[in-house]
Every structure is written in structure tokens, then in C-alpha cells.
Amino acid sequence: MDVEVDAVAVAGILRGVTLAVGAGEVHGIVGPNGSGKSTTLRCVYRVLHPSAGVVRLGGRALAEYTSRESAREMAALTQDSHVEFDFTVAEVVAMGRLPHQSGFDGERAGDREVCASALSRVDAAHLRDRSFLSLSGGERQRVLIARALAQEPKVLVLDEPTNHLDINHQLAVLGLVRGLGITVLTVLHDLNLAAAYCDRIHVMDGGLVVASGKPAEVLTPEVLSEVFRVKAHVVPHPVSGVPQLLFEHRVDG
């Protein structure tokens, strides 16, 4: 299922953001703090309503979907994701099945299997009986990703999914996301991870997309100097060949 953000504006933040994610592709949004990355995602997963423009899911305006319909198609992991009450990990992940249940259905055997699989895929099966509030930040992040996977979405929206994760789990989670075969739109701060795992990258600055393309096309010294105000050396990864960046702090003046 494809995602289209068409001239989306949010007063004072976004000034007409346009980008498109093809079905089954992994796209990353990068940019400096305050450039509008998370606000763009909030418009995609329906927390914010744009003041102008439209978001389309599968060619259909997102506003035409009911909340339940869009939840069956799209899951989101946000920076604001949290659990207020002391649920077990298994209970938190089971929340991902709610869009697929109706009325008094309750949990079914198939739901339990989906949830168990989701926990295993993020290396968190051993946490299933733990209190969610007792977990470390990295453990919580993996459980919340499992909850999103349990939703079985066609589109996955991720705002800083590697936040709190050690390098082993950063690579494991992004490798998992990459291998899902579904449409993924994610915000990433680590440009090297974005280069390694994204089909295309959208660079934002000042509430606009200022560059879009394959990692090697947009993660250039010129773009990085202009947008991030750093001097970058681009070198190929010795195994994968994808561009990797070495930085120097740029001092103007």
C-alpha cells in the first residue's frame, strides 16, 4: 500500500510537504531539529490534521477512512508512545490486535500466535510476563515495536524507532523492518542507519522537503553542509557499498 503526502501544511511548522512512498518501500525522513519531521509523521498517522494539503493511503484520502479502518492498514510507533498503567508485556502487545477485533470477540488463539511471533521477532519473548513499567527504555521500545507488528499493518510509520536501543538492537530492528515487505515511513536521526536501510531518503529543512532520492543521491557533502551545517566525507561501506558518512563540525566565519 502506497502513502502520499501532498502539499501538506501545518500552520507555523510545515509549508507544503510533498513526498510519496511506494508500496513495499522503506523511506526515511531526516533533517535537523525543528525541521518538521515528526510533525509530518503526525499528519500521516492522524494525530494532526493538516491546515492544507492531503495525505493519501492507497490512493484514498486518509480523512475518508474511519479510525478503525486506518488502524487495520497502518500502525505507528511514535515518540509519545507510552503506557500509563502497569500492564504486562503480553497485554501491551495484545493491544495491537484491537483493530482486528469487533465488539465482544475478545482474544482468539490466532491473536495470541500473532503476538507471540511479534515478541520473538524483536527479541523480547522472554519479557512477556514482565511489568511493562519495570522495563528499561530499550526494552520498552522493542515491546512497542512488537505491538505495532502485532497490528499486522500494510503501512508502518516509525518516529525514531532506534531510540534507546543499543547498537545490536538498532541493527536488528531496522533489519527486521527492512525485511517485512510492507511500506515503511520512518524518521531517523542517524544518517548512516538511514543510508543503510532506506530505499529513499527525504531531507527536510524549514518545514519543507528540500531533497529526495536514493541515499547516495541526497546524502552528499553539499546537502549535508547546507542543511546540517557539517562537513561530511562520504565513503562506501566496505561490505555493502552503501554510502557512509564521516563528519567534521563546520565552523563558519
Protein backbone atom coordinates (compact mmCIF):
# COMPACT_ATOMS: atom_id res chain seq x y z
CA MET A 1 0.00 0.00 0.00
CA ASP A 2 1.45 3.36 -1.01
CA VAL A 3 1.48 6.58 1.01
CA GLU A 4 1.31 10.06 -0.48
CA VAL A 5 1.84 13.33 1.37
CA ASP A 6 0.62 16.03 -0.99
CA ALA A 7 1.41 19.70 -0.24
CA VAL A 8 0.70 19.21 3.48
CA ALA A 9 0.90 22.33 5.63
CA VAL A 10 0.59 22.84 9.37
CA ALA A 11 0.49 26.47 10.44
CA GLY A 12 3.89 27.66 11.61
CA ILE A 13 5.60 24.28 11.08
CA LEU A 14 5.07 22.67 7.66
CA ARG A 15 4.99 24.76 4.50
CA GLY A 16 3.77 22.30 1.88
CA VAL A 17 5.45 18.94 2.39
CA THR A 18 5.24 16.59 -0.57
CA LEU A 19 6.61 13.05 -0.67
CA ALA A 20 5.48 9.63 -1.87
CA VAL A 21 6.31 6.16 -0.60
CA GLY A 22 5.74 3.28 -3.00
CA ALA A 23 4.14 0.06 -1.80
CA GLY A 24 6.69 -2.14 -0.04
CA GLU A 25 9.39 0.53 0.05
CA VAL A 26 11.28 1.81 3.10
CA HIS A 27 11.63 5.59 3.13
CA GLY A 28 13.43 7.68 5.71
CA ILE A 29 12.90 11.30 6.70
CA VAL A 30 15.98 13.10 8.01
CA GLY A 31 16.72 16.70 8.91
CA PRO A 32 17.88 18.96 11.70
CA ASN A 33 15.89 19.50 14.88
CA GLY A 34 12.76 21.53 14.26
CA SER A 35 12.64 20.85 10.53
CA GLY A 36 9.15 19.28 10.70
CA LYS A 37 9.95 15.55 10.54
CA SER A 38 7.79 14.38 13.43
CA THR A 39 5.01 16.82 12.52
CA THR A 40 4.89 15.26 9.06
CA LEU A 41 4.51 11.80 10.58
CA ARG A 42 1.79 13.04 12.94
CA CYS A 43 -0.21 14.09 9.89
CA VAL A 44 0.28 10.62 8.39
CA TYR A 45 -0.88 8.74 11.48
CA ARG A 46 -3.78 11.14 12.10
CA VAL A 47 -2.79 12.86 15.32
CA LEU A 48 -2.62 16.18 13.46
CA HIS A 49 -4.98 17.42 10.77
CA PRO A 50 -3.18 19.48 8.11
CA SER A 51 -4.29 23.05 7.59
CA ALA A 52 -3.77 22.44 3.86
CA GLY A 53 -2.93 19.54 1.58
CA VAL A 54 -3.88 15.89 1.86
CA VAL A 55 -2.45 12.56 2.98
CA ARG A 56 -3.47 9.54 0.90
CA LEU A 57 -3.28 5.89 1.87
CA GLY A 58 -3.58 3.51 -1.04
CA GLY A 59 -4.75 6.38 -3.25
CA ARG A 60 -7.60 7.26 -0.90
CA ALA A 61 -7.63 10.39 1.24
CA LEU A 62 -6.83 9.47 4.82
CA ALA A 63 -9.73 11.60 6.03
CA GLU A 64 -12.12 9.20 4.26
CA TYR A 65 -11.03 6.29 6.47
CA THR A 66 -12.67 5.62 9.80
CA SER A 67 -10.24 5.29 12.70
CA ARG A 68 -10.73 1.53 12.76
CA GLU A 69 -10.22 1.22 9.01
CA SER A 70 -6.94 3.14 9.07
CA ALA A 71 -5.76 1.20 12.14
CA ARG A 72 -6.21 -2.03 10.19
CA GLU A 73 -3.99 -0.68 7.42
CA MET A 74 -1.43 1.41 9.31
CA ALA A 75 0.46 1.11 12.60
CA ALA A 76 2.60 3.80 14.20
CA LEU A 77 5.37 3.92 16.75
CA THR A 78 5.63 7.48 17.99
CA GLN A 79 7.96 9.40 20.26
CA ASP A 80 4.95 9.90 22.51
CA SER A 81 4.15 6.17 22.77
CA HIS A 82 3.70 5.28 26.40
CA VAL A 83 1.64 3.05 28.67
CA GLU A 84 0.11 4.70 31.71
CA PHE A 85 -0.94 1.61 33.64
CA ASP A 86 1.04 -1.37 34.80
CA PHE A 87 0.20 -3.90 32.12
CA THR A 88 2.31 -6.95 31.41
CA VAL A 89 4.33 -7.01 28.22
CA ALA A 90 1.97 -9.62 26.77
CA GLU A 91 -1.01 -7.35 27.47
CA VAL A 92 0.68 -4.35 25.85
CA VAL A 93 1.46 -6.29 22.67
CA ALA A 94 -2.09 -7.69 22.60
CA MET A 95 -3.36 -4.11 22.25
CA GLY A 96 -2.09 -4.28 18.68
CA ARG A 97 -4.84 -6.77 17.86
CA LEU A 98 -7.71 -4.47 18.89
CA PRO A 99 -8.38 -3.04 15.39
CA HIS A 100 -8.98 -6.60 14.16
CA GLN A 101 -11.46 -7.49 16.90
CA SER A 102 -15.07 -6.46 17.00
CA GLY A 103 -17.48 -5.98 19.84
CA PHE A 104 -17.23 -8.86 22.25
CA ASP A 105 -14.79 -11.02 20.28
CA GLY A 106 -12.03 -10.88 22.85
CA GLU A 107 -8.67 -12.51 22.29
CA ARG A 108 -8.56 -15.51 19.98
CA ALA A 109 -5.95 -18.21 19.59
CA GLY A 110 -4.81 -16.61 16.35
CA ASP A 111 -4.28 -13.31 18.14
CA ARG A 112 -2.06 -14.97 20.74
CA GLU A 113 0.04 -16.56 17.99
CA VAL A 114 0.49 -13.22 16.22
CA CYS A 115 1.53 -11.53 19.47
CA ALA A 116 3.98 -14.29 20.39
CA SER A 117 5.54 -14.07 16.94
CA ALA A 118 5.85 -10.28 17.19
CA LEU A 119 7.66 -10.53 20.54
CA SER A 120 10.03 -13.15 19.19
CA ARG A 121 10.87 -11.03 16.16
CA VAL A 122 12.09 -8.16 18.33
CA ASP A 123 13.99 -10.48 20.70
CA ALA A 124 11.61 -9.83 23.59
CA ALA A 125 9.75 -13.12 24.07
CA HIS A 126 11.45 -13.59 27.44
CA LEU A 127 9.82 -10.37 28.67
CA ARG A 128 6.19 -11.40 28.06
CA ASP A 129 5.25 -11.76 31.75
CA ARG A 130 7.20 -8.74 32.98
CA SER A 131 5.56 -5.49 34.03
CA PHE A 132 5.95 -3.01 31.18
CA LEU A 133 6.77 -0.22 33.63
CA SER A 134 9.67 -2.25 35.05
CA LEU A 135 11.48 -2.41 31.70
CA SER A 136 14.44 -0.37 30.58
CA GLY A 137 13.97 2.25 27.86
CA GLY A 138 15.39 -0.07 25.22
CA GLU A 139 13.21 -2.99 26.31
CA ARG A 140 10.11 -0.79 26.25
CA GLN A 141 10.97 0.36 22.73
CA ARG A 142 11.23 -3.22 21.48
CA VAL A 143 7.91 -4.13 23.10
CA LEU A 144 6.19 -1.13 21.48
CA ILE A 145 7.60 -2.17 18.11
CA ALA A 146 6.20 -5.66 18.76
CA ARG A 147 2.80 -4.08 19.46
CA ALA A 148 2.95 -2.33 16.09
CA LEU A 149 3.92 -5.58 14.35
CA ALA A 150 1.04 -7.39 16.07
CA GLN A 151 -1.29 -4.98 14.31
CA GLU A 152 -0.24 -6.65 11.02
CA PRO A 153 -0.26 -3.35 9.11
CA LYS A 154 0.31 -2.75 5.44
CA VAL A 155 1.97 0.56 6.34
CA LEU A 156 4.30 1.12 9.29
CA VAL A 157 5.12 4.64 10.49
CA LEU A 158 8.07 4.92 12.87
CA ASP A 159 9.32 8.03 14.64
CA GLU A 160 12.88 7.33 15.83
CA PRO A 161 12.43 3.54 16.20
CA THR A 162 16.05 3.06 17.32
CA ASN A 163 15.70 5.49 20.21
CA HIS A 164 17.04 3.93 23.46
CA LEU A 165 18.33 0.84 21.65
CA ASP A 166 21.91 -0.41 21.83
CA ILE A 167 23.71 -0.84 18.51
CA ASN A 168 22.95 -4.57 18.32
CA HIS A 169 19.22 -3.99 18.66
CA GLN A 170 19.31 -0.92 16.38
CA LEU A 171 20.64 -3.08 13.57
CA ALA A 172 18.31 -5.96 14.43
CA VAL A 173 15.18 -3.79 14.50
CA LEU A 174 15.97 -1.96 11.26
CA GLY A 175 16.91 -5.24 9.59
CA LEU A 176 13.56 -6.64 10.72
CA VAL A 177 11.68 -3.60 9.44
CA ARG A 178 13.57 -3.79 6.16
CA GLY A 179 12.58 -7.44 5.72
CA LEU A 180 8.85 -7.04 6.44
CA GLY A 181 7.96 -6.35 2.82
CA ILE A 182 5.49 -3.64 3.79
CA THR A 183 5.51 0.11 3.27
CA VAL A 184 7.59 1.92 5.89
CA LEU A 185 8.00 5.64 6.56
CA THR A 186 10.43 6.40 9.36
CA VAL A 187 12.20 9.35 10.91
CA LEU A 188 15.84 8.64 11.71
CA HIS A 189 18.49 10.89 13.23
CA ASP A 190 21.38 8.57 12.40
CA LEU A 191 22.19 9.29 8.77
CA ASN A 192 24.37 6.20 8.41
CA LEU A 193 21.48 3.97 9.50
CA ALA A 194 19.19 5.80 7.09
CA ALA A 195 21.66 5.20 4.26
CA ALA A 196 21.99 1.52 5.12
CA TYR A 197 18.30 0.62 5.48
CA CYS A 198 16.22 3.05 3.39
CA ASP A 199 15.35 2.76 -0.30
CA ARG A 200 14.88 6.51 -0.49
CA ILE A 201 15.52 9.43 1.82
CA HIS A 202 13.65 12.72 2.16
CA VAL A 203 15.68 15.58 3.64
CA MET A 204 13.63 18.22 5.46
CA ASP A 205 14.60 21.73 6.43
CA GLY A 206 12.43 24.63 7.49
CA GLY A 207 9.17 22.75 7.11
CA LEU A 208 9.86 21.62 3.54
CA VAL A 209 11.32 18.60 1.77
CA VAL A 210 14.46 20.04 0.20
CA ALA A 211 15.88 16.83 -1.32
CA SER A 212 14.53 13.37 -2.12
CA GLY A 213 16.17 10.36 -3.70
CA LYS A 214 18.30 7.31 -3.12
CA PRO A 215 20.75 7.65 -0.22
CA ALA A 216 23.74 8.25 -2.50
CA GLU A 217 21.80 10.97 -4.34
CA VAL A 218 20.84 13.06 -1.31
CA LEU A 219 23.47 12.34 1.36
CA THR A 220 26.07 14.43 -0.38
CA PRO A 221 28.62 16.81 1.14
CA GLU A 222 26.76 19.73 -0.42
CA VAL A 223 23.36 18.82 1.03
CA LEU A 224 24.81 17.99 4.43
CA SER A 225 26.69 21.26 4.57
CA GLU A 226 23.65 23.29 3.58
CA VAL A 227 21.08 21.53 5.78
CA PHE A 228 23.03 20.19 8.76
CA ARG A 229 25.90 22.70 8.72
CA VAL A 230 28.54 19.99 8.95
CA LYS A 231 31.41 18.99 6.72
CA ALA A 232 30.95 15.38 5.61
CA HIS A 233 33.15 12.86 3.88
CA VAL A 234 31.20 10.17 2.05
CA VAL A 235 32.83 6.74 1.81
CA PRO A 236 31.42 3.38 0.67
CA HIS A 237 30.74 0.75 3.30
CA PRO A 238 33.41 -1.95 2.87
CA VAL A 239 30.82 -4.75 2.70
CA SER A 240 27.53 -3.32 1.43
CA GLY A 241 28.90 -0.41 -0.57
CA VAL A 242 26.18 1.95 0.72
CA PRO A 243 27.36 5.49 1.49
CA GLN A 244 28.67 6.07 4.99
CA LEU A 245 29.38 9.49 6.41
CA LEU A 246 32.33 10.80 8.41
CA PHE A 247 31.71 14.22 9.94
CA GLU A 248 33.60 17.33 10.91
CA HIS A 249 31.96 20.22 12.72
CA ARG A 250 31.78 23.11 10.30
CA VAL A 251 32.84 26.44 11.80
CA ASP A 252 31.69 29.43 9.77
CA GLY A 253 33.28 32.73 9.68
